[in-house]
């Protein structure tokens, strides 16, 4: 790809920064949704990098400003990698297993946007957060 103007370069930078900002850690606001993607060795070997990229892309495409996507280490269910945990304000975390890129996009569309968890993919939907 050849960049032909400073405006093109600025647009590319802005688009890239939006994706980077989705991955930044920061303070969680009252309506902040967190999507945690397990990126330990077992997760990466199972395809978590593609899952993470798909989720970040879907959140970005939908313009969801209150969603923070965070890379985390081991979540503790190696047999079900890639693992994605969804933290919605006021609700117990939902843990999804075997989340490929397509399932990651579906989590954003159905669970985050429409409030409809993907029951067939949940491996643990109630646990205490420390």
C-alpha atoms as a PDB file:
ATOM      1  CA  UNK A   1       0.000   0.000   0.000  1.00  0.00           C
ATOM      2  CA  UNK A   2       1.400   3.350  -1.005  1.00  0.00           C
ATOM      3  CA  UNK A   3       0.435   6.431   1.001  1.00  0.00           C
ATOM      4  CA  UNK A   4      -0.153   9.404  -1.259  1.00  0.00           C
ATOM      5  CA  UNK A   5      -0.875  12.214   1.195  1.00  0.00           C
ATOM      6  CA  UNK A   6      -0.457  13.300   4.779  1.00  0.00           C
ATOM      7  CA  UNK A   7      -4.244  13.053   5.186  1.00  0.00           C
ATOM      8  CA  UNK A   8      -4.140   9.358   4.255  1.00  0.00           C
ATOM      9  CA  UNK A   9      -1.381   8.803   6.781  1.00  0.00           C
ATOM     10  CA  UNK A  10      -3.392  10.595   9.478  1.00  0.00           C
ATOM     11  CA  UNK A  11      -6.454   8.431   8.737  1.00  0.00           C
ATOM     12  CA  UNK A  12      -4.386   5.258   8.967  1.00  0.00           C
ATOM     13  CA  UNK A  13      -2.870   6.445  12.245  1.00  0.00           C
ATOM     14  CA  UNK A  14      -6.281   7.335  13.678  1.00  0.00           C
ATOM     15  CA  UNK A  15      -7.723   3.937  12.735  1.00  0.00           C
ATOM     16  CA  UNK A  16      -4.732   2.149  14.274  1.00  0.00           C
ATOM     17  CA  UNK A  17      -4.908   4.201  17.463  1.00  0.00           C
ATOM     18  CA  UNK A  18      -8.565   3.292  17.932  1.00  0.00           C
ATOM     19  CA  UNK A  19      -7.608  -0.383  17.857  1.00  0.00           C
ATOM     20  CA  UNK A  20      -4.716   0.166  20.256  1.00  0.00           C
ATOM     21  CA  UNK A  21      -6.944   2.119  22.639  1.00  0.00           C
ATOM     22  CA  UNK A  22      -9.384  -0.810  22.764  1.00  0.00           C
ATOM     23  CA  UNK A  23      -6.577  -2.885  24.236  1.00  0.00           C
ATOM     24  CA  UNK A  24      -5.363  -0.361  26.821  1.00  0.00           C
ATOM     25  CA  UNK A  25      -5.857  -0.939  30.504  1.00  0.00           C
ATOM     26  CA  UNK A  26      -7.529   1.839  32.361  1.00  0.00           C
ATOM     27  CA  UNK A  27     -10.130   2.717  34.892  1.00  0.00           C
ATOM     28  CA  UNK A  28     -13.459   1.043  34.344  1.00  0.00           C
ATOM     29  CA  UNK A  29     -16.395   3.435  34.271  1.00  0.00           C
ATOM     30  CA  UNK A  30     -19.910   2.594  35.453  1.00  0.00           C
ATOM     31  CA  UNK A  31     -21.078   1.472  32.023  1.00  0.00           C
ATOM     32  CA  UNK A  32     -17.735   0.006  30.911  1.00  0.00           C
ATOM     33  CA  UNK A  33     -17.856  -3.481  29.398  1.00  0.00           C
ATOM     34  CA  UNK A  34     -14.703  -5.573  29.595  1.00  0.00           C
ATOM     35  CA  UNK A  35     -13.858  -8.410  27.246  1.00  0.00           C
ATOM     36  CA  UNK A  36     -10.885 -10.392  28.524  1.00  0.00           C
ATOM     37  CA  UNK A  37      -9.075 -12.704  26.111  1.00  0.00           C
ATOM     38  CA  UNK A  38      -6.753 -15.359  27.552  1.00  0.00           C
ATOM     39  CA  UNK A  39      -3.394 -14.904  25.847  1.00  0.00           C
ATOM     40  CA  UNK A  40      -1.227 -17.378  27.752  1.00  0.00           C
ATOM     41  CA  UNK A  41       0.776 -19.927  25.755  1.00  0.00           C
ATOM     42  CA  UNK A  42      -2.087 -22.411  25.629  1.00  0.00           C
ATOM     43  CA  UNK A  43      -4.503 -19.737  24.407  1.00  0.00           C
ATOM     44  CA  UNK A  44      -2.171 -18.459  21.721  1.00  0.00           C
ATOM     45  CA  UNK A  45      -1.489 -22.023  20.540  1.00  0.00           C
ATOM     46  CA  UNK A  46      -5.248 -22.576  20.272  1.00  0.00           C
ATOM     47  CA  UNK A  47      -5.874 -19.448  18.181  1.00  0.00           C
ATOM     48  CA  UNK A  48      -6.471 -16.706  20.769  1.00  0.00           C
ATOM     49  CA  UNK A  49      -4.561 -14.136  18.710  1.00  0.00           C
ATOM     50  CA  UNK A  50      -7.091 -14.491  15.868  1.00  0.00           C
ATOM     51  CA  UNK A  51      -9.928 -14.377  18.409  1.00  0.00           C
ATOM     52  CA  UNK A  52      -8.558 -11.194  19.972  1.00  0.00           C
ATOM     53  CA  UNK A  53      -8.085  -9.516  16.592  1.00  0.00           C
ATOM     54  CA  UNK A  54     -11.629 -10.437  15.503  1.00  0.00           C
ATOM     55  CA  UNK A  55     -13.139  -9.067  18.723  1.00  0.00           C
ATOM     56  CA  UNK A  56     -11.146  -5.822  18.489  1.00  0.00           C
ATOM     57  CA  UNK A  57     -12.156  -5.474  14.836  1.00  0.00           C
ATOM     58  CA  UNK A  58     -15.851  -6.085  15.578  1.00  0.00           C
ATOM     59  CA  UNK A  59     -15.900  -3.635  18.510  1.00  0.00           C
ATOM     60  CA  UNK A  60     -14.174  -1.059  16.314  1.00  0.00           C
ATOM     61  CA  UNK A  61     -16.523  -1.608  13.353  1.00  0.00           C
ATOM     62  CA  UNK A  62     -19.536  -1.201  15.636  1.00  0.00           C
ATOM     63  CA  UNK A  63     -18.074   1.932  17.237  1.00  0.00           C
ATOM     64  CA  UNK A  64     -18.655   0.619  20.762  1.00  0.00           C
ATOM     65  CA  UNK A  65     -17.048   3.277  22.942  1.00  0.00           C
ATOM     66  CA  UNK A  66     -17.851   1.639  26.292  1.00  0.00           C
ATOM     67  CA  UNK A  67     -16.098  -1.660  25.492  1.00  0.00           C
ATOM     68  CA  UNK A  68     -12.542  -2.364  26.585  1.00  0.00           C
ATOM     69  CA  UNK A  69     -10.771  -5.416  25.148  1.00  0.00           C
ATOM     70  CA  UNK A  70      -7.971  -6.665  27.383  1.00  0.00           C
ATOM     71  CA  UNK A  71      -5.313  -9.306  26.848  1.00  0.00           C
ATOM     72  CA  UNK A  72      -4.837 -11.382  29.985  1.00  0.00           C
ATOM     73  CA  UNK A  73      -2.736 -14.371  30.943  1.00  0.00           C
ATOM     74  CA  UNK A  74      -4.027 -17.782  31.923  1.00  0.00           C
ATOM     75  CA  UNK A  75      -7.702 -17.841  32.871  1.00  0.00           C
ATOM     76  CA  UNK A  76      -7.442 -21.434  34.078  1.00  0.00           C
ATOM     77  CA  UNK A  77      -9.441 -23.550  31.646  1.00  0.00           C
ATOM     78  CA  UNK A  78      -6.735 -24.693  29.240  1.00  0.00           C
ATOM     79  CA  UNK A  79      -8.894 -27.504  27.884  1.00  0.00           C
ATOM     80  CA  UNK A  80     -11.352 -24.926  26.503  1.00  0.00           C
ATOM     81  CA  UNK A  81      -8.968 -22.431  24.893  1.00  0.00           C
ATOM     82  CA  UNK A  82      -9.331 -19.863  23.466  1.00  0.00           C
ATOM     83  CA  UNK A  83     -11.110 -18.417  26.511  1.00  0.00           C
ATOM     84  CA  UNK A  84     -13.028 -15.128  26.557  1.00  0.00           C
ATOM     85  CA  UNK A  85     -14.512 -13.581  29.682  1.00  0.00           C
ATOM     86  CA  UNK A  86     -17.225 -10.938  29.390  1.00  0.00           C
ATOM     87  CA  UNK A  87     -17.705  -8.541  32.306  1.00  0.00           C
ATOM     88  CA  UNK A  88     -20.889  -6.500  32.079  1.00  0.00           C
ATOM     89  CA  UNK A  89     -21.622  -3.826  34.711  1.00  0.00           C
ATOM     90  CA  UNK A  90     -23.727  -5.179  37.562  1.00  0.00           C
ATOM     91  CA  UNK A  91     -23.544  -8.787  36.340  1.00  0.00           C
ATOM     92  CA  UNK A  92     -21.402 -11.772  37.196  1.00  0.00           C
ATOM     93  CA  UNK A  93     -18.695 -12.509  34.611  1.00  0.00           C
ATOM     94  CA  UNK A  94     -19.485 -14.930  31.796  1.00  0.00           C
ATOM     95  CA  UNK A  95     -16.757 -17.306  30.652  1.00  0.00           C
ATOM     96  CA  UNK A  96     -16.796 -18.620  27.077  1.00  0.00           C
ATOM     97  CA  UNK A  97     -14.735 -21.530  25.818  1.00  0.00           C
ATOM     98  CA  UNK A  98     -13.419 -22.573  22.402  1.00  0.00           C
ATOM     99  CA  UNK A  99     -13.938 -19.065  21.029  1.00  0.00           C
ATOM    100  CA  UNK A 100     -12.657 -18.810  17.460  1.00  0.00           C
ATOM    101  CA  UNK A 101     -12.711 -15.572  15.468  1.00  0.00           C
ATOM    102  CA  UNK A 102     -16.299 -16.086  14.277  1.00  0.00           C
ATOM    103  CA  UNK A 103     -17.564 -16.874  17.790  1.00  0.00           C
ATOM    104  CA  UNK A 104     -15.717 -13.786  19.071  1.00  0.00           C
ATOM    105  CA  UNK A 105     -17.587 -11.602  16.584  1.00  0.00           C
ATOM    106  CA  UNK A 106     -20.837 -13.299  17.610  1.00  0.00           C
ATOM    107  CA  UNK A 107     -20.145 -12.527  21.296  1.00  0.00           C
ATOM    108  CA  UNK A 108     -19.801  -8.831  20.411  1.00  0.00           C
ATOM    109  CA  UNK A 109     -22.963  -8.814  18.283  1.00  0.00           C
ATOM    110  CA  UNK A 110     -25.227 -10.902  20.510  1.00  0.00           C
ATOM    111  CA  UNK A 111     -23.950 -10.681  24.084  1.00  0.00           C
ATOM    112  CA  UNK A 112     -22.477  -7.173  24.128  1.00  0.00           C
ATOM    113  CA  UNK A 113     -24.869  -5.371  21.758  1.00  0.00           C
ATOM    114  CA  UNK A 114     -28.105  -7.313  22.312  1.00  0.00           C
ATOM    115  CA  UNK A 115     -27.631  -8.679  25.833  1.00  0.00           C
ATOM    116  CA  UNK A 116     -28.104 -12.280  24.706  1.00  0.00           C
ATOM    117  CA  UNK A 117     -25.353 -14.593  26.003  1.00  0.00           C
ATOM    118  CA  UNK A 118     -24.350 -17.502  23.760  1.00  0.00           C
ATOM    119  CA  UNK A 119     -25.493 -20.235  26.134  1.00  0.00           C
ATOM    120  CA  UNK A 120     -24.032 -23.083  24.068  1.00  0.00           C
ATOM    121  CA  UNK A 121     -20.516 -21.631  24.418  1.00  0.00           C
ATOM    122  CA  UNK A 122     -20.547 -20.745  28.123  1.00  0.00           C
ATOM    123  CA  UNK A 123     -18.257 -22.909  30.210  1.00  0.00           C
ATOM    124  CA  UNK A 124     -18.841 -21.146  33.509  1.00  0.00           C
ATOM    125  CA  UNK A 125     -21.368 -18.394  33.944  1.00  0.00           C
ATOM    126  CA  UNK A 126     -21.260 -17.794  37.669  1.00  0.00           C
ATOM    127  CA  UNK A 127     -18.244 -17.310  39.896  1.00  0.00           C
ATOM    128  CA  UNK A 128     -17.026 -14.796  42.416  1.00  0.00           C
ATOM    129  CA  UNK A 129     -14.644 -12.067  41.290  1.00  0.00           C
ATOM    130  CA  UNK A 130     -11.898 -11.163  43.683  1.00  0.00           C
END
